[in-house]
Amino acid sequence: MEIYSIAIDKWLNGRKRLKYDELPKRLQTHKNVLAFLDRYKVVDPTGHSHTVVAHIAKDGHYYIYPDKKQVRSISVREAARIQSFPDDYYFEGGRTAAFKQIGKRSSTPYGGCFSKTINQLLIENKNIQSEVADPNPEYLIKSIAEQGYSLESSLADLMDNSVSANANIIEVLIKMEQEPFTLFIADNGNGMDEEALKASMQFPSNSPEKERNVSDLGRFGLGMKTASFSQTRSFTVLSRKKDRLILVEELGM
């Protein structure tokens, strides 16, 4: 906090950035004092902010809040505003996962300008060749797996699906006799038919604009896949509606 305070003082009283080698020796705890001298940076409150990157999920040294009364790094919502997320945007996962999502996305206004430019080029030059770029399934799953979910957060997200299906009994069973251990979540919810089960395994499984039940915490149709792949590389879903056969779908690498 003392380093943050020094950085804020230098910025607010002269718009100067703190260099690491300018700190008192007692505060220089890093062995490397020759590189990354600007590792502590205050967000400009009156001008343009520097871009928020995914490293903010590890520490906020590069995004210090510009106020001596609040010696801290910026919050998730403040970082989201810098990257032009609307205030009602919901981030899947916890604080670390939210920061990663913010840092890995380009600003919406920038994306809009970029898209308009590309569109104009396509209109002016109709001879431009294009092709469909399908996502790599393996890379997609690995990227989803690195969203920062803890086991507790993953279980909570999966059990939310049970709640959304009107379950009033949810059991979490763990078989630890062998490694890797096996985890099984069971509930007495409504179940899914074949079409709904296949849709639930897609990325995403529904539109964020779709009207939802007030008890449903999900929004983007990614929760089950994100929560599962944060803990494993394959998972199986078994579902049955009343008086019907059990349906099975498996997803993984």
Protein backbone atom coordinates (compact mmCIF):
# COMPACT_ATOMS: atom_id res chain seq x y z
CA MET A 1 0.00 0.00 0.00
CA GLU A 2 2.92 2.36 0.68
CA ILE A 3 4.18 1.88 -2.87
CA TYR A 4 0.71 2.60 -4.23
CA SER A 5 0.58 5.78 -2.16
CA ILE A 6 3.95 6.96 -3.54
CA ALA A 7 2.83 6.22 -7.11
CA ILE A 8 -0.43 8.16 -6.61
CA ASP A 9 1.45 11.16 -5.16
CA LYS A 10 3.83 11.34 -8.13
CA TRP A 11 0.99 11.11 -10.64
CA LEU A 12 -1.45 13.54 -9.03
CA ASN A 13 1.25 16.10 -8.14
CA GLY A 14 3.16 16.18 -11.41
CA ARG A 15 1.76 13.54 -13.76
CA LYS A 16 4.96 11.51 -13.40
CA ARG A 17 5.13 7.73 -13.37
CA LEU A 18 6.86 5.95 -10.53
CA LYS A 19 9.98 4.04 -11.53
CA TYR A 20 10.80 0.97 -9.48
CA ASP A 21 14.41 2.01 -8.90
CA GLU A 22 13.14 5.28 -7.37
CA LEU A 23 11.56 3.46 -4.45
CA PRO A 24 13.30 3.36 -1.06
CA LYS A 25 15.57 0.30 -0.86
CA ARG A 26 13.42 -1.25 1.86
CA LEU A 27 10.50 -1.39 -0.59
CA GLN A 28 12.46 -2.92 -3.45
CA THR A 29 11.70 -6.59 -2.87
CA HIS A 30 12.17 -7.79 -6.47
CA LYS A 31 15.59 -9.06 -7.51
CA ASN A 32 15.32 -7.56 -10.98
CA VAL A 33 15.67 -3.77 -10.62
CA LEU A 34 16.77 -3.15 -14.21
CA ALA A 35 13.67 -4.28 -16.13
CA PHE A 36 9.96 -3.50 -15.84
CA LEU A 37 10.64 -0.26 -14.00
CA ASP A 38 7.09 0.93 -14.68
CA ARG A 39 5.44 -2.03 -12.92
CA TYR A 40 3.41 0.37 -10.74
CA LYS A 41 1.13 2.62 -12.76
CA VAL A 42 -1.77 4.88 -11.77
CA VAL A 43 -4.86 5.07 -13.98
CA ASP A 44 -5.24 8.53 -15.52
CA PRO A 45 -8.50 10.02 -14.12
CA THR A 46 -8.70 12.87 -16.65
CA GLY A 47 -7.26 11.45 -19.86
CA HIS A 48 -7.08 8.14 -21.67
CA SER A 49 -6.47 5.03 -19.61
CA HIS A 50 -3.86 2.49 -20.62
CA THR A 51 -5.32 -0.81 -21.83
CA VAL A 52 -6.39 -3.39 -19.27
CA VAL A 53 -4.68 -6.73 -19.92
CA ALA A 54 -5.31 -10.18 -18.44
CA HIS A 55 -2.33 -9.90 -16.05
CA ILE A 56 -4.57 -7.82 -13.79
CA ALA A 57 -5.97 -11.17 -12.63
CA LYS A 58 -2.63 -11.78 -10.85
CA ASP A 59 -2.09 -8.32 -9.37
CA GLY A 60 -3.36 -4.76 -9.82
CA HIS A 61 -0.01 -2.94 -9.63
CA TYR A 62 -0.44 -1.62 -13.16
CA TYR A 63 -3.92 -0.28 -12.43
CA ILE A 64 -3.77 1.79 -9.26
CA TYR A 65 -6.86 3.84 -8.40
CA PRO A 66 -6.00 7.59 -8.63
CA ASP A 67 -7.12 8.72 -5.15
CA LYS A 68 -5.04 8.98 -1.94
CA LYS A 69 -8.19 8.35 0.08
CA GLN A 70 -8.55 4.94 -1.58
CA VAL A 71 -5.12 3.35 -1.82
CA ARG A 72 -5.98 0.29 -3.91
CA SER A 73 -6.07 -1.13 -7.40
CA ILE A 74 -9.16 -0.79 -9.56
CA SER A 75 -12.15 -3.09 -9.07
CA VAL A 76 -13.64 -5.54 -11.56
CA ARG A 77 -16.42 -3.11 -12.47
CA GLU A 78 -13.96 -0.20 -12.92
CA ALA A 79 -11.77 -2.34 -15.18
CA ALA A 80 -14.87 -3.35 -17.12
CA ARG A 81 -15.82 0.28 -17.65
CA ILE A 82 -12.34 1.08 -18.99
CA GLN A 83 -12.79 -1.71 -21.52
CA SER A 84 -16.28 -0.33 -22.32
CA PHE A 85 -18.35 -3.20 -20.88
CA PRO A 86 -21.88 -2.04 -19.96
CA ASP A 87 -22.56 -1.87 -16.21
CA ASP A 88 -25.14 -4.66 -16.40
CA TYR A 89 -22.71 -7.10 -18.03
CA TYR A 90 -22.49 -10.33 -16.02
CA PHE A 91 -19.10 -12.07 -15.71
CA GLU A 92 -18.99 -15.84 -15.33
CA GLY A 93 -16.87 -17.09 -12.42
CA GLY A 94 -15.15 -15.25 -9.58
CA ARG A 95 -12.97 -12.13 -9.39
CA THR A 96 -9.94 -13.73 -11.08
CA ALA A 97 -12.02 -15.15 -13.91
CA ALA A 98 -13.75 -11.79 -14.43
CA PHE A 99 -10.43 -9.94 -14.70
CA LYS A 100 -9.22 -12.48 -17.26
CA GLN A 101 -12.36 -12.01 -19.36
CA ILE A 102 -11.93 -8.23 -19.24
CA GLY A 103 -8.23 -8.30 -20.07
CA LYS A 104 -8.62 -10.65 -23.02
CA ARG A 105 -11.26 -8.57 -24.76
CA SER A 106 -10.78 -5.57 -27.02
CA SER A 107 -12.73 -2.40 -26.37
CA THR A 108 -16.21 -2.49 -27.94
CA PRO A 109 -15.91 0.98 -29.60
CA TYR A 110 -12.57 -0.11 -31.07
CA GLY A 111 -14.12 -3.33 -32.34
CA GLY A 112 -16.99 -1.36 -33.85
CA CYS A 113 -14.64 0.97 -35.72
CA PHE A 114 -12.56 -1.98 -36.90
CA SER A 115 -15.67 -3.79 -38.16
CA LYS A 116 -16.89 -0.71 -40.05
CA THR A 117 -13.50 -0.39 -41.74
CA ILE A 118 -13.50 -4.05 -42.79
CA ASN A 119 -17.07 -3.74 -44.04
CA GLN A 120 -16.16 -0.70 -46.12
CA LEU A 121 -13.23 -2.56 -47.66
CA LEU A 122 -15.51 -5.45 -48.58
CA ILE A 123 -17.99 -3.07 -50.20
CA GLU A 124 -15.30 -1.26 -52.21
CA ASN A 125 -13.47 -4.41 -53.29
CA LYS A 126 -15.84 -7.23 -54.13
CA ASN A 127 -12.92 -9.42 -55.28
CA ILE A 128 -11.70 -10.01 -51.74
CA GLN A 129 -11.72 -13.74 -51.00
CA SER A 130 -13.03 -15.02 -47.67
CA GLU A 131 -13.41 -18.36 -45.94
CA VAL A 132 -14.99 -19.72 -42.77
CA ALA A 133 -12.54 -19.97 -39.86
CA ASP A 134 -13.90 -22.71 -37.64
CA PRO A 135 -12.61 -22.67 -34.05
CA ASN A 136 -10.17 -25.38 -32.98
CA PRO A 137 -12.15 -27.54 -30.50
CA GLU A 138 -9.07 -28.55 -28.48
CA TYR A 139 -7.82 -24.97 -28.11
CA LEU A 140 -11.34 -23.76 -27.27
CA ILE A 141 -11.66 -26.26 -24.43
CA LYS A 142 -8.18 -25.45 -23.10
CA SER A 143 -8.98 -21.73 -23.16
CA ILE A 144 -12.24 -22.29 -21.29
CA ALA A 145 -10.38 -24.43 -18.76
CA GLU A 146 -8.17 -21.46 -17.83
CA GLN A 147 -10.97 -19.20 -16.60
CA GLY A 148 -9.85 -19.32 -12.96
CA TYR A 149 -12.62 -21.47 -11.48
CA SER A 150 -11.96 -23.11 -8.12
CA LEU A 151 -13.54 -26.50 -7.35
CA GLU A 152 -16.02 -24.74 -5.05
CA SER A 153 -17.03 -22.24 -7.75
CA SER A 154 -17.38 -25.04 -10.28
CA LEU A 155 -19.68 -27.05 -8.02
CA ALA A 156 -21.78 -23.97 -7.28
CA ASP A 157 -22.17 -23.25 -11.00
CA LEU A 158 -23.16 -26.84 -11.76
CA MET A 159 -25.65 -26.97 -8.90
CA ASP A 160 -27.20 -23.76 -10.21
CA ASN A 161 -28.26 -25.80 -13.26
CA SER A 162 -30.04 -28.17 -10.89
CA VAL A 163 -31.82 -25.28 -9.20
CA SER A 164 -32.85 -23.90 -12.60
CA ALA A 165 -34.37 -27.31 -13.38
CA ASN A 166 -36.54 -27.05 -10.23
CA ALA A 167 -34.56 -29.64 -8.27
CA ASN A 168 -35.08 -29.74 -4.50
CA ILE A 169 -32.60 -32.56 -3.91
CA ILE A 170 -28.98 -32.27 -5.07
CA GLU A 171 -26.31 -34.85 -4.23
CA VAL A 172 -22.56 -34.51 -4.77
CA LEU A 173 -20.80 -37.89 -4.82
CA ILE A 174 -16.99 -38.25 -4.95
CA LYS A 175 -15.14 -41.50 -5.60
CA MET A 176 -11.57 -41.13 -4.34
CA GLU A 177 -10.30 -44.71 -4.46
CA GLN A 178 -8.34 -43.96 -7.61
CA GLU A 179 -6.71 -40.96 -9.29
CA PRO A 180 -7.95 -38.91 -10.92
CA PHE A 181 -11.00 -38.98 -8.65
CA THR A 182 -14.53 -39.19 -10.06
CA LEU A 183 -17.17 -36.60 -9.17
CA PHE A 184 -20.89 -37.10 -9.77
CA ILE A 185 -23.67 -34.56 -9.28
CA ALA A 186 -27.24 -35.87 -9.19
CA ASP A 187 -30.57 -34.11 -8.76
CA ASN A 188 -34.31 -34.68 -9.06
CA GLY A 189 -34.91 -31.80 -11.48
CA ASN A 190 -37.08 -31.75 -14.59
CA GLY A 191 -34.57 -33.45 -16.85
CA MET A 192 -33.93 -32.77 -20.54
CA ASP A 193 -35.22 -34.31 -23.74
CA GLU A 194 -32.78 -35.23 -26.54
CA GLU A 195 -32.93 -31.83 -28.24
CA ALA A 196 -32.37 -29.88 -25.00
CA LEU A 197 -29.50 -32.15 -23.94
CA LYS A 198 -27.66 -31.76 -27.25
CA ALA A 199 -28.18 -27.98 -27.12
CA SER A 200 -26.80 -27.82 -23.58
CA MET A 201 -23.48 -29.26 -24.81
CA GLN A 202 -22.96 -26.50 -27.38
CA PHE A 203 -20.82 -23.33 -26.98
CA PRO A 204 -22.93 -21.41 -25.99
CA SER A 205 -26.23 -23.22 -25.46
CA ASN A 206 -28.51 -20.15 -25.48
CA SER A 207 -28.56 -16.44 -26.27
CA PRO A 208 -27.82 -13.91 -23.48
CA GLU A 209 -30.85 -11.99 -24.76
CA LYS A 210 -33.19 -14.88 -24.08
CA GLU A 211 -35.74 -14.19 -21.36
CA ARG A 212 -34.93 -16.25 -18.26
CA ASN A 213 -36.69 -17.41 -15.13
CA VAL A 214 -35.99 -15.11 -12.15
CA SER A 215 -34.38 -18.04 -10.28
CA ASP A 216 -32.00 -18.80 -13.14
CA LEU A 217 -28.50 -17.41 -12.51
CA GLY A 218 -27.15 -18.52 -15.88
CA ARG A 219 -27.11 -16.19 -18.83
CA PHE A 220 -24.69 -17.12 -21.58
CA GLY A 221 -25.10 -20.89 -21.81
CA LEU A 222 -21.45 -21.48 -20.93
CA GLY A 223 -21.63 -22.20 -17.20
CA MET A 224 -21.81 -26.00 -17.28
CA LYS A 225 -19.01 -26.33 -19.84
CA THR A 226 -16.77 -23.72 -18.20
CA ALA A 227 -17.25 -25.13 -14.72
CA SER A 228 -16.67 -28.72 -15.89
CA PHE A 229 -13.64 -28.09 -18.07
CA SER A 230 -11.96 -26.08 -15.31
CA GLN A 231 -11.68 -29.37 -13.39
CA THR A 232 -11.51 -32.07 -16.09
CA ARG A 233 -10.90 -32.66 -19.78
CA SER A 234 -14.09 -34.65 -20.37
CA PHE A 235 -17.46 -34.95 -18.70
CA THR A 236 -20.68 -36.89 -19.20
CA VAL A 237 -24.27 -35.71 -18.75
CA LEU A 238 -27.07 -38.20 -18.10
CA SER A 239 -30.63 -36.92 -18.14
CA ARG A 240 -34.14 -38.35 -18.12
CA LYS A 241 -37.58 -36.87 -18.23
CA LYS A 242 -40.36 -38.71 -16.41
CA ASP A 243 -41.27 -42.09 -17.93
CA ARG A 244 -38.63 -41.77 -20.66
CA LEU A 245 -35.28 -43.41 -21.43
CA ILE A 246 -32.03 -42.12 -19.93
CA LEU A 247 -30.12 -39.93 -22.43
CA VAL A 248 -26.32 -39.65 -22.39
CA GLU A 249 -24.03 -37.02 -23.92
CA GLU A 250 -20.24 -36.76 -23.46
CA LEU A 251 -18.00 -33.79 -24.22
CA GLY A 252 -14.22 -33.59 -24.02
CA MET A 253 -10.84 -33.87 -25.71
